[in-house]
Amino acid sequence: MNKFIHVCAFVISITCTVIGQNHLCGITHEDESSLMPDDTPLLRTRNALEYIPIKFHIVTDNNGGGAVDFNNLLNQFDQLNIDFKPFGFQFYLADGGDLPILKSTNLFEAPRDFPGEIQTQRYANAVNVFISKNTYDSSNGGVIAGYYTRMADHIVAQTGYIGYKDVLTHEMGHFFNLRHTFYGWEDDPYNELKHGNPLLSYDAPSYGVEVELVNKENCQKVLI
């Protein structure tokens, strides 16, 4: 699916409070560092909505237990369209609206640990979203709310965040090539008492990512 579409970073920023402060977004540094390689994305004007197919995969354990509530899923689908409509995007259910039940305790418990199994279930021409009861990530050492992986090109969201939180909107922003607005600070959130105001370093504490000082003294405005 063609993803050379750039959307306003507002999609990520409106969900940063939910993801950044209370829950963990599981996108890896490798994936995130490949998103938005510069700050001057190619913009274009559109006069009509662009319709994007989405394929939800409902993950259960081997016995079919733990599926996401269907009404919550529909509410989440509606919310996704509400969030993205201002940017000219609307989602529709791919594959005739089929919502497959994927019985797999592996993916139910730790989907990131079994990428090959997910790949065999992907629908080729849509945004693939796997909804699992436990999005445990052994590399992160715990449960995360959701994540997007660019290399495998799918989203995983925890069942408990479907229908009530902005997790899916947040991860969809990563699908559209957006980094966190707090990129580099995921492991050590900004604290004025600790990091200073303006910041005392040109590098964020996580991954050594260059940052903009609060007083903007290390930035130059570029006129377009």
N, C-alpha and C. Protein backbone atom coordinates (compact mmCIF):
# COMPACT_ATOMS: atom_id res chain seq x y z
N MET A 1 0.84 -1.19 0.00
CA MET A 1 0.00 0.00 0.00
C MET A 1 0.88 1.23 0.00
N ASN A 2 0.55 2.21 -0.85
CA ASN A 2 1.34 3.43 -0.95
C ASN A 2 1.17 4.25 0.31
N LYS A 3 2.29 4.51 0.98
CA LYS A 3 2.22 5.25 2.23
C LYS A 3 3.01 6.55 2.15
N PHE A 4 3.28 7.05 0.96
CA PHE A 4 3.98 8.31 0.85
C PHE A 4 2.99 9.43 1.02
N ILE A 5 2.33 9.41 2.16
CA ILE A 5 1.32 10.39 2.52
C ILE A 5 1.77 11.02 3.81
N HIS A 6 1.84 12.33 3.86
CA HIS A 6 2.29 13.01 5.06
C HIS A 6 1.12 13.71 5.71
N VAL A 7 0.89 13.46 6.96
CA VAL A 7 -0.21 14.08 7.68
C VAL A 7 0.35 14.96 8.78
N CYS A 8 -0.48 15.83 9.27
CA CYS A 8 -0.06 16.78 10.30
C CYS A 8 0.37 16.05 11.56
N ALA A 9 1.44 16.54 12.18
CA ALA A 9 1.94 15.89 13.40
C ALA A 9 0.97 16.01 14.55
N PHE A 10 -0.10 16.74 14.35
CA PHE A 10 -1.14 16.84 15.38
C PHE A 10 -1.69 15.48 15.75
N VAL A 11 -1.73 14.56 14.80
CA VAL A 11 -2.25 13.22 15.07
C VAL A 11 -1.45 12.55 16.18
N ILE A 12 -0.13 12.72 16.15
CA ILE A 12 0.70 12.17 17.20
C ILE A 12 0.61 13.01 18.46
N SER A 13 0.64 14.33 18.31
CA SER A 13 0.71 15.19 19.49
C SER A 13 -0.54 15.11 20.34
N ILE A 14 -1.73 14.91 19.74
CA ILE A 14 -2.95 14.86 20.55
C ILE A 14 -3.00 13.61 21.40
N THR A 15 -2.18 12.61 21.06
CA THR A 15 -2.22 11.36 21.83
C THR A 15 -0.99 11.19 22.69
N CYS A 16 -0.07 12.15 22.68
CA CYS A 16 1.17 11.99 23.44
C CYS A 16 0.90 11.91 24.93
N THR A 17 -0.08 12.67 25.42
CA THR A 17 -0.34 12.66 26.85
C THR A 17 -0.77 11.28 27.31
N VAL A 18 -1.65 10.64 26.54
CA VAL A 18 -2.14 9.32 26.90
C VAL A 18 -1.01 8.30 26.82
N ILE A 19 -0.27 8.31 25.70
CA ILE A 19 0.76 7.31 25.50
C ILE A 19 2.00 7.62 26.32
N GLY A 20 2.44 8.88 26.27
CA GLY A 20 3.73 9.20 26.83
C GLY A 20 3.77 9.17 28.34
N GLN A 21 2.71 9.55 29.02
CA GLN A 21 2.75 9.67 30.45
C GLN A 21 2.25 8.44 31.19
N ASN A 22 1.25 7.78 30.63
CA ASN A 22 0.61 6.70 31.37
C ASN A 22 0.90 5.31 30.82
N HIS A 23 1.17 5.22 29.53
CA HIS A 23 1.29 3.92 28.90
C HIS A 23 2.48 3.96 27.95
N LEU A 24 2.90 2.80 27.52
CA LEU A 24 4.09 2.70 26.71
C LEU A 24 3.75 2.37 25.26
N CYS A 25 4.23 3.22 24.37
CA CYS A 25 4.17 2.90 22.94
C CYS A 25 5.37 2.04 22.63
N GLY A 26 5.17 0.93 21.96
CA GLY A 26 6.24 -0.04 21.78
C GLY A 26 7.02 0.08 20.50
N ILE A 27 6.90 1.20 19.76
CA ILE A 27 7.69 1.34 18.54
C ILE A 27 9.17 1.34 18.91
N THR A 28 9.97 0.63 18.15
CA THR A 28 11.39 0.54 18.46
C THR A 28 12.13 1.78 17.97
N HIS A 29 13.32 2.00 18.52
CA HIS A 29 14.13 3.13 18.06
C HIS A 29 14.49 2.97 16.59
N GLU A 30 14.76 1.75 16.16
CA GLU A 30 15.12 1.51 14.77
C GLU A 30 13.97 1.90 13.84
N ASP A 31 12.75 1.52 14.22
CA ASP A 31 11.59 1.88 13.40
C ASP A 31 11.38 3.39 13.42
N GLU A 32 11.43 3.99 14.61
CA GLU A 32 11.11 5.40 14.71
C GLU A 32 12.16 6.27 14.03
N SER A 33 13.42 5.88 14.10
CA SER A 33 14.47 6.68 13.49
C SER A 33 14.35 6.71 11.98
N SER A 34 13.61 5.76 11.40
CA SER A 34 13.43 5.73 9.95
C SER A 34 12.23 6.55 9.50
N LEU A 35 11.45 7.05 10.46
CA LEU A 35 10.28 7.84 10.12
C LEU A 35 10.65 9.31 9.95
N MET A 36 9.97 10.00 9.06
CA MET A 36 10.14 11.44 8.86
C MET A 36 11.61 11.81 8.86
N PRO A 37 12.39 11.44 7.83
CA PRO A 37 13.83 11.68 7.84
C PRO A 37 14.22 13.15 7.83
N ASP A 38 13.31 14.04 7.51
CA ASP A 38 13.60 15.47 7.59
C ASP A 38 12.37 16.20 8.07
N ASP A 39 12.51 17.50 8.30
CA ASP A 39 11.43 18.30 8.85
C ASP A 39 10.67 19.07 7.80
N THR A 40 10.91 18.76 6.53
CA THR A 40 10.23 19.47 5.45
C THR A 40 9.55 18.47 4.52
N PRO A 41 8.53 17.76 5.02
CA PRO A 41 7.85 16.77 4.18
C PRO A 41 7.17 17.42 2.99
N LEU A 42 7.04 16.65 1.95
CA LEU A 42 6.35 17.12 0.76
C LEU A 42 4.86 17.19 1.03
N LEU A 43 4.31 18.38 0.94
CA LEU A 43 2.89 18.59 1.21
C LEU A 43 2.14 18.78 -0.09
N ARG A 44 0.91 18.39 -0.11
CA ARG A 44 0.09 18.65 -1.27
C ARG A 44 -1.32 18.95 -0.83
N THR A 45 -2.03 19.66 -1.64
CA THR A 45 -3.40 20.04 -1.33
C THR A 45 -4.34 19.00 -1.91
N ARG A 46 -5.33 18.62 -1.15
CA ARG A 46 -6.33 17.69 -1.66
C ARG A 46 -7.72 18.28 -1.41
N ASN A 47 -8.61 18.01 -2.32
CA ASN A 47 -9.96 18.55 -2.23
C ASN A 47 -10.99 17.48 -1.94
N ALA A 48 -10.54 16.26 -1.74
CA ALA A 48 -11.48 15.17 -1.49
C ALA A 48 -10.87 14.21 -0.47
N LEU A 49 -11.72 13.43 0.16
CA LEU A 49 -11.24 12.44 1.11
C LEU A 49 -10.47 11.33 0.40
N GLU A 50 -9.47 10.81 1.08
CA GLU A 50 -8.77 9.63 0.60
C GLU A 50 -9.20 8.46 1.48
N TYR A 51 -9.66 7.38 0.85
CA TYR A 51 -10.20 6.25 1.58
C TYR A 51 -9.14 5.16 1.70
N ILE A 52 -8.95 4.70 2.93
CA ILE A 52 -7.85 3.80 3.25
C ILE A 52 -8.42 2.50 3.82
N PRO A 53 -8.10 1.36 3.21
CA PRO A 53 -8.59 0.08 3.73
C PRO A 53 -7.86 -0.33 5.00
N ILE A 54 -8.59 -0.84 5.95
CA ILE A 54 -8.01 -1.32 7.21
C ILE A 54 -8.52 -2.73 7.48
N LYS A 55 -7.63 -3.58 7.94
CA LYS A 55 -7.98 -4.97 8.23
C LYS A 55 -7.69 -5.26 9.69
N PHE A 56 -8.75 -5.47 10.47
CA PHE A 56 -8.60 -5.84 11.87
C PHE A 56 -8.48 -7.35 11.99
N HIS A 57 -7.52 -7.82 12.78
CA HIS A 57 -7.36 -9.24 13.08
C HIS A 57 -7.60 -9.41 14.57
N ILE A 58 -8.62 -10.15 14.95
CA ILE A 58 -8.98 -10.35 16.35
C ILE A 58 -8.25 -11.57 16.87
N VAL A 59 -7.29 -11.35 17.74
CA VAL A 59 -6.45 -12.43 18.26
C VAL A 59 -7.05 -12.97 19.55
N THR A 60 -7.12 -14.29 19.65
CA THR A 60 -7.59 -14.97 20.87
C THR A 60 -6.56 -16.02 21.26
N ASP A 61 -6.80 -16.68 22.39
CA ASP A 61 -5.94 -17.81 22.73
C ASP A 61 -6.34 -19.01 21.86
N ASN A 62 -5.66 -20.10 22.03
CA ASN A 62 -5.91 -21.27 21.19
C ASN A 62 -7.34 -21.78 21.28
N ASN A 63 -8.01 -21.48 22.40
CA ASN A 63 -9.39 -21.95 22.60
C ASN A 63 -10.44 -20.92 22.19
N GLY A 64 -9.99 -19.79 21.65
CA GLY A 64 -10.94 -18.76 21.21
C GLY A 64 -11.33 -17.78 22.30
N GLY A 65 -10.64 -17.80 23.43
CA GLY A 65 -10.98 -16.90 24.53
C GLY A 65 -10.21 -15.59 24.47
N GLY A 66 -10.79 -14.55 25.06
CA GLY A 66 -10.10 -13.27 25.19
C GLY A 66 -10.27 -12.31 24.04
N ALA A 67 -11.25 -12.53 23.17
CA ALA A 67 -11.44 -11.66 22.01
C ALA A 67 -11.88 -10.27 22.44
N VAL A 68 -11.51 -9.28 21.66
CA VAL A 68 -11.95 -7.91 21.91
C VAL A 68 -13.47 -7.82 21.76
N ASP A 69 -14.08 -6.96 22.57
CA ASP A 69 -15.52 -6.75 22.46
C ASP A 69 -15.84 -6.11 21.11
N PHE A 70 -16.79 -6.70 20.39
CA PHE A 70 -17.10 -6.25 19.04
C PHE A 70 -17.58 -4.79 19.03
N ASN A 71 -18.42 -4.41 20.00
CA ASN A 71 -18.90 -3.04 20.05
C ASN A 71 -17.76 -2.06 20.31
N ASN A 72 -16.82 -2.45 21.16
CA ASN A 72 -15.66 -1.60 21.40
C ASN A 72 -14.84 -1.40 20.13
N LEU A 73 -14.72 -2.47 19.35
CA LEU A 73 -13.97 -2.39 18.11
C LEU A 73 -14.65 -1.43 17.13
N LEU A 74 -15.97 -1.52 17.02
CA LEU A 74 -16.69 -0.61 16.12
C LEU A 74 -16.58 0.83 16.59
N ASN A 75 -16.64 1.03 17.91
CA ASN A 75 -16.47 2.38 18.45
C ASN A 75 -15.08 2.92 18.14
N GLN A 76 -14.09 2.05 18.23
CA GLN A 76 -12.72 2.46 17.92
C GLN A 76 -12.58 2.82 16.44
N PHE A 77 -13.22 2.06 15.59
CA PHE A 77 -13.20 2.33 14.15
C PHE A 77 -13.83 3.69 13.86
N ASP A 78 -14.95 3.98 14.52
CA ASP A 78 -15.59 5.29 14.35
C ASP A 78 -14.68 6.41 14.83
N GLN A 79 -14.02 6.20 15.98
CA GLN A 79 -13.15 7.23 16.54
C GLN A 79 -11.96 7.49 15.63
N LEU A 80 -11.45 6.43 15.02
CA LEU A 80 -10.33 6.59 14.10
C LEU A 80 -10.70 7.50 12.94
N ASN A 81 -11.89 7.32 12.42
CA ASN A 81 -12.35 8.17 11.32
C ASN A 81 -12.60 9.60 11.77
N ILE A 82 -13.09 9.76 12.99
CA ILE A 82 -13.28 11.11 13.53
C ILE A 82 -11.93 11.83 13.65
N ASP A 83 -10.93 11.11 14.15
CA ASP A 83 -9.62 11.72 14.37
C ASP A 83 -8.92 12.10 13.07
N PHE A 84 -9.12 11.30 12.03
CA PHE A 84 -8.38 11.54 10.79
C PHE A 84 -9.15 12.32 9.74
N LYS A 85 -10.44 12.51 9.94
CA LYS A 85 -11.21 13.25 8.94
C LYS A 85 -10.69 14.66 8.69
N PRO A 86 -10.25 15.41 9.73
CA PRO A 86 -9.72 16.76 9.45
C PRO A 86 -8.52 16.77 8.51
N PHE A 87 -7.85 15.63 8.36
CA PHE A 87 -6.68 15.55 7.50
C PHE A 87 -7.00 14.92 6.15
N GLY A 88 -8.28 14.67 5.90
CA GLY A 88 -8.69 14.16 4.59
C GLY A 88 -8.62 12.67 4.44
N PHE A 89 -8.56 11.92 5.54
CA PHE A 89 -8.49 10.46 5.48
C PHE A 89 -9.74 9.85 6.11
N GLN A 90 -10.24 8.82 5.48
CA GLN A 90 -11.29 8.00 6.06
C GLN A 90 -10.97 6.54 5.81
N PHE A 91 -11.20 5.73 6.82
CA PHE A 91 -10.89 4.31 6.75
C PHE A 91 -12.16 3.52 6.43
N TYR A 92 -11.97 2.41 5.73
CA TYR A 92 -13.08 1.48 5.51
C TYR A 92 -12.57 0.07 5.73
N LEU A 93 -13.47 -0.83 6.09
CA LEU A 93 -13.09 -2.21 6.39
C LEU A 93 -12.77 -2.96 5.10
N ALA A 94 -11.56 -3.47 5.02
CA ALA A 94 -11.11 -4.19 3.84
C ALA A 94 -11.71 -5.59 3.77
N ASP A 95 -11.53 -6.21 2.64
CA ASP A 95 -11.92 -7.61 2.46
C ASP A 95 -13.40 -7.83 2.76
N GLY A 96 -14.23 -6.89 2.30
CA GLY A 96 -15.67 -7.03 2.48
C GLY A 96 -16.13 -6.90 3.91
N GLY A 97 -15.30 -6.33 4.75
CA GLY A 97 -15.67 -6.17 6.16
C GLY A 97 -15.41 -7.39 7.02
N ASP A 98 -14.72 -8.38 6.47
CA ASP A 98 -14.44 -9.59 7.23
C ASP A 98 -13.52 -9.28 8.41
N LEU A 99 -13.86 -9.80 9.59
CA LEU A 99 -13.07 -9.62 10.80
C LEU A 99 -12.63 -10.99 11.30
N PRO A 100 -11.49 -11.47 10.83
CA PRO A 100 -11.08 -12.84 11.15
C PRO A 100 -10.71 -13.01 12.63
N ILE A 101 -11.04 -14.18 13.15
CA ILE A 101 -10.63 -14.57 14.49
C ILE A 101 -9.35 -15.40 14.35
N LEU A 102 -8.29 -14.95 14.97
CA LEU A 102 -7.00 -15.63 14.88
C LEU A 102 -6.72 -16.32 16.21
N LYS A 103 -6.89 -17.63 16.24
CA LYS A 103 -6.67 -18.39 17.47
C LYS A 103 -5.20 -18.76 17.59
N SER A 104 -4.50 -18.04 18.44
CA SER A 104 -3.08 -18.29 18.62
C SER A 104 -2.65 -17.77 19.99
N THR A 105 -2.34 -18.68 20.89
CA THR A 105 -1.88 -18.26 22.21
C THR A 105 -0.54 -17.53 22.11
N ASN A 106 0.27 -17.88 21.11
CA ASN A 106 1.54 -17.18 20.91
C ASN A 106 1.30 -15.68 20.71
N LEU A 107 0.43 -15.35 19.77
CA LEU A 107 0.17 -13.95 19.47
C LEU A 107 -0.69 -13.30 20.54
N PHE A 108 -1.47 -14.10 21.22
CA PHE A 108 -2.32 -13.61 22.31
C PHE A 108 -1.47 -13.13 23.48
N GLU A 109 -0.37 -13.82 23.74
CA GLU A 109 0.47 -13.52 24.89
C GLU A 109 1.63 -12.58 24.57
N ALA A 110 2.27 -12.76 23.41
CA ALA A 110 3.48 -11.99 23.09
C ALA A 110 3.66 -11.85 21.59
N PRO A 111 2.85 -11.03 20.94
CA PRO A 111 2.86 -10.95 19.47
C PRO A 111 4.21 -10.55 18.87
N ARG A 112 4.96 -9.68 19.55
CA ARG A 112 6.23 -9.26 18.98
C ARG A 112 7.26 -10.38 18.96
N ASP A 113 7.06 -11.38 19.79
CA ASP A 113 8.00 -12.50 19.83
C ASP A 113 7.76 -13.51 18.70
N PHE A 114 6.66 -13.34 17.95
CA PHE A 114 6.33 -14.29 16.88
C PHE A 114 5.99 -13.54 15.59
N PRO A 115 6.95 -12.76 15.05
CA PRO A 115 6.65 -11.95 13.85
C PRO A 115 6.32 -12.78 12.63
N GLY A 116 6.94 -13.95 12.52
CA GLY A 116 6.65 -14.80 11.37
C GLY A 116 5.20 -15.25 11.33
N GLU A 117 4.65 -15.54 12.49
CA GLU A 117 3.26 -15.98 12.55
C GLU A 117 2.32 -14.85 12.15
N ILE A 118 2.65 -13.63 12.56
CA ILE A 118 1.84 -12.49 12.15
C ILE A 118 1.91 -12.29 10.64
N GLN A 119 3.10 -12.41 10.08
CA GLN A 119 3.28 -12.16 8.65
C GLN A 119 2.43 -13.09 7.80
N THR A 120 2.24 -14.31 8.25
CA THR A 120 1.43 -15.25 7.47
C THR A 120 -0.04 -14.87 7.47
N GLN A 121 -0.46 -13.98 8.39
CA GLN A 121 -1.86 -13.62 8.51
C GLN A 121 -2.18 -12.25 7.89
N ARG A 122 -1.17 -11.52 7.45
CA ARG A 122 -1.39 -10.17 6.94
C ARG A 122 -2.24 -10.17 5.68
N TYR A 123 -3.08 -9.16 5.56
CA TYR A 123 -3.87 -8.93 4.35
C TYR A 123 -3.07 -7.96 3.48
N ALA A 124 -2.87 -8.31 2.22
CA ALA A 124 -1.87 -7.62 1.40
C ALA A 124 -2.17 -6.15 1.13
N ASN A 125 -3.41 -5.78 0.99
CA ASN A 125 -3.73 -4.44 0.49
C ASN A 125 -4.50 -3.61 1.50
N ALA A 126 -4.00 -3.55 2.72
CA ALA A 126 -4.68 -2.79 3.75
C ALA A 126 -3.72 -2.48 4.89
N VAL A 127 -4.13 -1.59 5.76
CA VAL A 127 -3.44 -1.39 7.03
C VAL A 127 -3.83 -2.54 7.94
N ASN A 128 -2.88 -3.33 8.38
CA ASN A 128 -3.18 -4.50 9.21
C ASN A 128 -3.05 -4.14 10.68
N VAL A 129 -4.12 -4.39 11.43
CA VAL A 129 -4.15 -4.11 12.86
C VAL A 129 -4.51 -5.39 13.60
N PHE A 130 -3.58 -5.88 14.41
CA PHE A 130 -3.80 -7.09 15.20
C PHE A 130 -4.15 -6.65 16.62
N ILE A 131 -5.28 -7.13 17.12
CA ILE A 131 -5.76 -6.75 18.45
C ILE A 131 -5.63 -7.95 19.36
N SER A 132 -4.75 -7.81 20.36
CA SER A 132 -4.41 -8.94 21.22
C SER A 132 -4.62 -8.58 22.68
N LYS A 133 -4.98 -9.55 23.46
CA LYS A 133 -5.22 -9.34 24.88
C LYS A 133 -3.97 -8.83 25.60
N ASN A 134 -2.84 -9.45 25.31
CA ASN A 134 -1.59 -9.09 25.98
C ASN A 134 -0.54 -8.72 24.95
N THR A 135 -0.17 -7.45 24.91
CA THR A 135 0.89 -7.05 23.99
C THR A 135 2.22 -7.06 24.72
N TYR A 136 2.53 -8.20 25.32
CA TYR A 136 3.78 -8.33 26.07
C TYR A 136 4.96 -8.29 25.12
N ASP A 137 5.97 -7.53 25.50
CA ASP A 137 7.16 -7.37 24.68
C ASP A 137 8.36 -7.77 25.54
N SER A 138 8.94 -8.92 25.27
CA SER A 138 10.04 -9.40 26.10
C SER A 138 11.25 -8.48 26.02
N SER A 139 11.45 -7.81 24.88
CA SER A 139 12.60 -6.90 24.75
C SER A 139 12.41 -5.66 25.60
N ASN A 140 11.15 -5.27 25.81
CA ASN A 140 10.85 -4.11 26.64
C ASN A 140 10.65 -4.49 28.10
N GLY A 141 10.47 -5.78 28.33
CA GLY A 141 10.33 -6.25 29.70
C GLY A 141 8.96 -6.01 30.29
N GLY A 142 7.95 -5.86 29.47
CA GLY A 142 6.63 -5.63 30.04
C GLY A 142 5.55 -5.48 29.00
N VAL A 143 4.35 -5.12 29.47
CA VAL A 143 3.19 -4.95 28.61
C VAL A 143 3.17 -3.53 28.06
N ILE A 144 2.90 -3.40 26.80
CA ILE A 144 2.80 -2.09 26.16
C ILE A 144 1.39 -1.92 25.61
N ALA A 145 1.01 -0.67 25.39
CA ALA A 145 -0.34 -0.38 24.92
C ALA A 145 -0.53 -0.73 23.46
N GLY A 146 0.52 -0.55 22.67
CA GLY A 146 0.45 -0.84 21.25
C GLY A 146 1.75 -0.47 20.59
N TYR A 147 1.92 -0.89 19.34
CA TYR A 147 3.12 -0.51 18.60
C TYR A 147 2.88 -0.69 17.10
N TYR A 148 3.67 0.06 16.34
CA TYR A 148 3.73 -0.13 14.89
C TYR A 148 5.14 -0.56 14.54
N THR A 149 5.27 -1.56 13.68
CA THR A 149 6.57 -1.98 13.19
C THR A 149 6.65 -1.72 11.71
N ARG A 150 7.62 -0.91 11.31
CA ARG A 150 7.73 -0.52 9.91
C ARG A 150 8.23 -1.67 9.04
N MET A 151 9.21 -2.42 9.54
CA MET A 151 9.78 -3.49 8.73
C MET A 151 8.73 -4.54 8.40
N ALA A 152 7.91 -4.91 9.39
CA ALA A 152 6.87 -5.91 9.16
C ALA A 152 5.56 -5.28 8.71
N ASP A 153 5.44 -3.95 8.87
CA ASP A 153 4.32 -3.17 8.35
C ASP A 153 2.97 -3.62 8.92
N HIS A 154 2.87 -3.60 10.25
CA HIS A 154 1.58 -3.86 10.88
C HIS A 154 1.54 -3.14 12.23
N ILE A 155 0.32 -3.00 12.74
CA ILE A 155 0.07 -2.41 14.05
C ILE A 155 -0.45 -3.49 14.97
N VAL A 156 -0.03 -3.45 16.22
CA VAL A 156 -0.59 -4.31 17.25
C VAL A 156 -1.12 -3.42 18.37
N ALA A 157 -2.34 -3.64 18.79
CA ALA A 157 -2.95 -2.86 19.88
C ALA A 157 -3.51 -3.81 20.93
N GLN A 158 -3.39 -3.42 22.18
CA GLN A 158 -3.89 -4.23 23.27
C GLN A 158 -5.41 -4.10 23.37
N THR A 159 -6.05 -5.22 23.59
CA THR A 159 -7.51 -5.27 23.66
C THR A 159 -8.08 -4.23 24.61
N GLY A 160 -7.46 -4.06 25.76
CA GLY A 160 -7.98 -3.16 26.78
C GLY A 160 -7.99 -1.71 26.38
N TYR A 161 -7.28 -1.35 25.31
CA TYR A 161 -7.24 0.04 24.86
C TYR A 161 -8.11 0.30 23.64
N ILE A 162 -8.83 -0.71 23.22
CA ILE A 162 -9.70 -0.55 22.06
C ILE A 162 -11.05 0.00 22.50
N GLY A 163 -11.43 1.12 21.93
CA GLY A 163 -12.73 1.71 22.21
C GLY A 163 -12.72 2.79 23.27
N TYR A 164 -11.62 2.92 24.01
CA TYR A 164 -11.60 3.85 25.12
C TYR A 164 -10.43 4.84 25.08
N LYS A 165 -9.36 4.48 24.42
CA LYS A 165 -8.16 5.30 24.44
C LYS A 165 -7.78 5.71 23.02
N ASP A 166 -6.73 6.56 22.93
CA ASP A 166 -6.25 7.04 21.65
C ASP A 166 -5.08 6.23 21.12
N VAL A 167 -4.88 5.04 21.64
CA VAL A 167 -3.73 4.24 21.27
C VAL A 167 -3.69 3.96 19.77
N LEU A 168 -4.81 3.55 19.20
CA LEU A 168 -4.81 3.18 17.79
C LEU A 168 -4.57 4.40 16.90
N THR A 169 -5.14 5.55 17.26
CA THR A 169 -4.88 6.78 16.51
C THR A 169 -3.39 7.11 16.57
N HIS A 170 -2.80 6.95 17.73
CA HIS A 170 -1.38 7.22 17.92
C HIS A 170 -0.54 6.31 17.03
N GLU A 171 -0.81 5.01 17.07
CA GLU A 171 -0.02 4.07 16.28
C GLU A 171 -0.26 4.27 14.79
N MET A 172 -1.46 4.69 14.40
CA MET A 172 -1.73 4.97 13.00
C MET A 172 -0.89 6.15 12.53
N GLY A 173 -0.62 7.09 13.43
CA GLY A 173 0.28 8.18 13.09
C GLY A 173 1.66 7.68 12.71
N HIS A 174 2.16 6.66 13.45
CA HIS A 174 3.44 6.06 13.08
C HIS A 174 3.35 5.39 11.71
N PHE A 175 2.22 4.74 11.43
CA PHE A 175 2.03 4.13 10.12
C PHE A 175 2.16 5.17 9.01
N PHE A 176 1.70 6.38 9.30
CA PHE A 176 1.78 7.47 8.32
C PHE A 176 3.11 8.23 8.41
N ASN A 177 4.10 7.58 8.98
CA ASN A 177 5.47 8.09 8.93
C ASN A 177 5.76 9.20 9.92
N LEU A 178 5.03 9.27 11.02
CA LEU A 178 5.26 10.30 12.01
C LEU A 178 5.99 9.75 13.23
N ARG A 179 7.00 10.49 13.67
CA ARG A 179 7.68 10.17 14.92
C ARG A 179 6.87 10.70 16.09
N HIS A 180 7.30 10.33 17.30
CA HIS A 180 6.78 10.98 18.49
C HIS A 180 7.18 12.45 18.49
N THR A 181 6.33 13.30 19.03
CA THR A 181 6.74 14.68 19.23
C THR A 181 7.76 14.76 20.37
N PHE A 182 7.85 13.71 21.16
CA PHE A 182 8.83 13.64 22.23
C PHE A 182 9.93 12.64 21.89
N TYR A 183 10.23 12.50 20.60
CA TYR A 183 11.21 11.53 20.13
C TYR A 183 12.55 11.70 20.86
N GLY A 184 13.07 10.62 21.37
CA GLY A 184 14.33 10.65 22.09
C GLY A 184 14.17 10.74 23.59
N TRP A 185 12.95 11.07 24.03
CA TRP A 185 12.72 11.24 25.46
C TRP A 185 11.84 10.12 26.03
N GLU A 186 11.61 9.07 25.28
CA GLU A 186 10.69 8.04 25.71
C GLU A 186 11.11 7.40 27.04
N ASP A 187 12.41 7.19 27.22
CA ASP A 187 12.89 6.47 28.40
C ASP A 187 13.18 7.40 29.58
N ASP A 188 13.17 8.71 29.33
CA ASP A 188 13.51 9.66 30.38
C ASP A 188 12.74 10.96 30.14
N PRO A 189 11.44 10.98 30.43
CA PRO A 189 10.61 12.14 30.11
C PRO A 189 11.15 13.44 30.69
N TYR A 190 10.95 14.50 29.94
CA TYR A 190 11.49 15.80 30.33
C TYR A 190 10.98 16.23 31.71
N ASN A 191 11.91 16.68 32.55
CA ASN A 191 11.60 17.22 33.86
C ASN A 191 12.48 18.45 34.05
N GLU A 192 11.84 19.59 34.21
CA GLU A 192 12.59 20.84 34.27
C GLU A 192 13.62 20.84 35.39
N LEU A 193 13.29 20.25 36.53
CA LEU A 193 14.23 20.23 37.65
C LEU A 193 15.46 19.38 37.33
N LYS A 194 15.25 18.36 36.52
CA LYS A 194 16.35 17.45 36.18
C LYS A 194 17.14 17.90 34.96
N HIS A 195 16.40 18.37 33.94
CA HIS A 195 17.04 18.65 32.65
C HIS A 195 17.27 20.13 32.39
N GLY A 196 16.72 21.00 33.23
CA GLY A 196 16.93 22.43 33.06
C GLY A 196 15.94 23.07 32.11
N ASN A 197 15.86 24.38 32.19
CA ASN A 197 15.00 25.15 31.29
C ASN A 197 15.70 26.47 30.97
N PRO A 198 16.36 26.65 29.85
CA PRO A 198 16.38 25.69 28.73
C PRO A 198 17.17 24.43 29.04
N LEU A 199 17.04 23.46 28.14
CA LEU A 199 17.71 22.19 28.34
C LEU A 199 19.21 22.39 28.46
N LEU A 200 19.81 21.53 29.24
CA LEU A 200 21.25 21.64 29.48
C LEU A 200 22.06 20.82 28.48
N SER A 201 21.38 20.11 27.59
CA SER A 201 22.09 19.25 26.64
C SER A 201 21.49 19.39 25.26
N TYR A 202 22.30 19.20 24.26
CA TYR A 202 21.82 19.20 22.89
C TYR A 202 21.33 17.82 22.45
N ASP A 203 21.51 16.84 23.31
CA ASP A 203 21.07 15.48 23.01
C ASP A 203 20.02 15.04 24.00
N ALA A 204 18.96 14.39 23.50
CA ALA A 204 17.97 13.80 24.39
C ALA A 204 18.61 12.64 25.15
N PRO A 205 18.10 12.34 26.34
CA PRO A 205 18.72 11.27 27.14
C PRO A 205 18.59 9.90 26.52
N SER A 206 17.61 9.69 25.67
CA SER A 206 17.44 8.39 25.03
C SER A 206 18.04 8.42 23.63
N TYR A 207 18.94 7.51 23.34
CA TYR A 207 19.49 7.30 22.01
C TYR A 207 20.40 8.43 21.52
N GLY A 208 20.61 9.49 22.31
CA GLY A 208 21.47 10.58 21.86
C GLY A 208 20.89 11.38 20.72
N VAL A 209 19.58 11.47 20.63
CA VAL A 209 18.92 12.21 19.56
C VAL A 209 19.06 13.71 19.81
N GLU A 210 19.43 14.47 18.79
CA GLU A 210 19.54 15.91 18.94
C GLU A 210 18.17 16.52 19.21
N VAL A 211 18.15 17.53 20.07
CA VAL A 211 16.89 18.15 20.47
C VAL A 211 16.96 19.66 20.29
N GLU A 212 15.79 20.26 20.28
CA GLU A 212 15.67 21.71 20.22
C GLU A 212 15.63 22.26 21.64
N LEU A 213 16.49 23.23 21.93
CA LEU A 213 16.46 23.85 23.24
C LEU A 213 15.17 24.64 23.42
N VAL A 214 14.72 24.75 24.67
CA VAL A 214 13.45 25.40 24.96
C VAL A 214 13.44 26.84 24.45
N ASN A 215 14.57 27.54 24.56
CA ASN A 215 14.61 28.93 24.09
C ASN A 215 14.94 29.03 22.60
N LYS A 216 15.06 27.89 21.93
CA LYS A 216 15.25 27.79 20.49
C LYS A 216 16.57 28.39 20.01
N GLU A 217 17.53 28.58 20.91
CA GLU A 217 18.77 29.23 20.51
C GLU A 217 19.63 28.38 19.57
N ASN A 218 19.36 27.06 19.55
CA ASN A 218 20.14 26.21 18.67
C ASN A 218 19.39 25.85 17.39
N CYS A 219 18.33 26.60 17.09
CA CYS A 219 17.52 26.32 15.90
C CYS A 219 17.51 27.53 14.98
N GLN A 220 17.34 27.25 13.72
CA GLN A 220 17.27 28.32 12.74
C GLN A 220 15.97 28.21 11.97
N LYS A 221 15.23 29.28 11.89
CA LYS A 221 13.98 29.26 11.16
C LYS A 221 14.24 29.21 9.67
N VAL A 222 13.57 28.32 9.00
CA VAL A 222 13.74 28.16 7.56
C VAL A 222 12.49 28.71 6.88
N LEU A 223 12.70 29.67 6.00
CA LEU A 223 11.58 30.25 5.26
C LEU A 223 11.34 29.42 4.01
N ILE A 224 10.09 29.05 3.80
CA ILE A 224 9.72 28.25 2.60
C ILE A 224 8.92 29.13 1.66
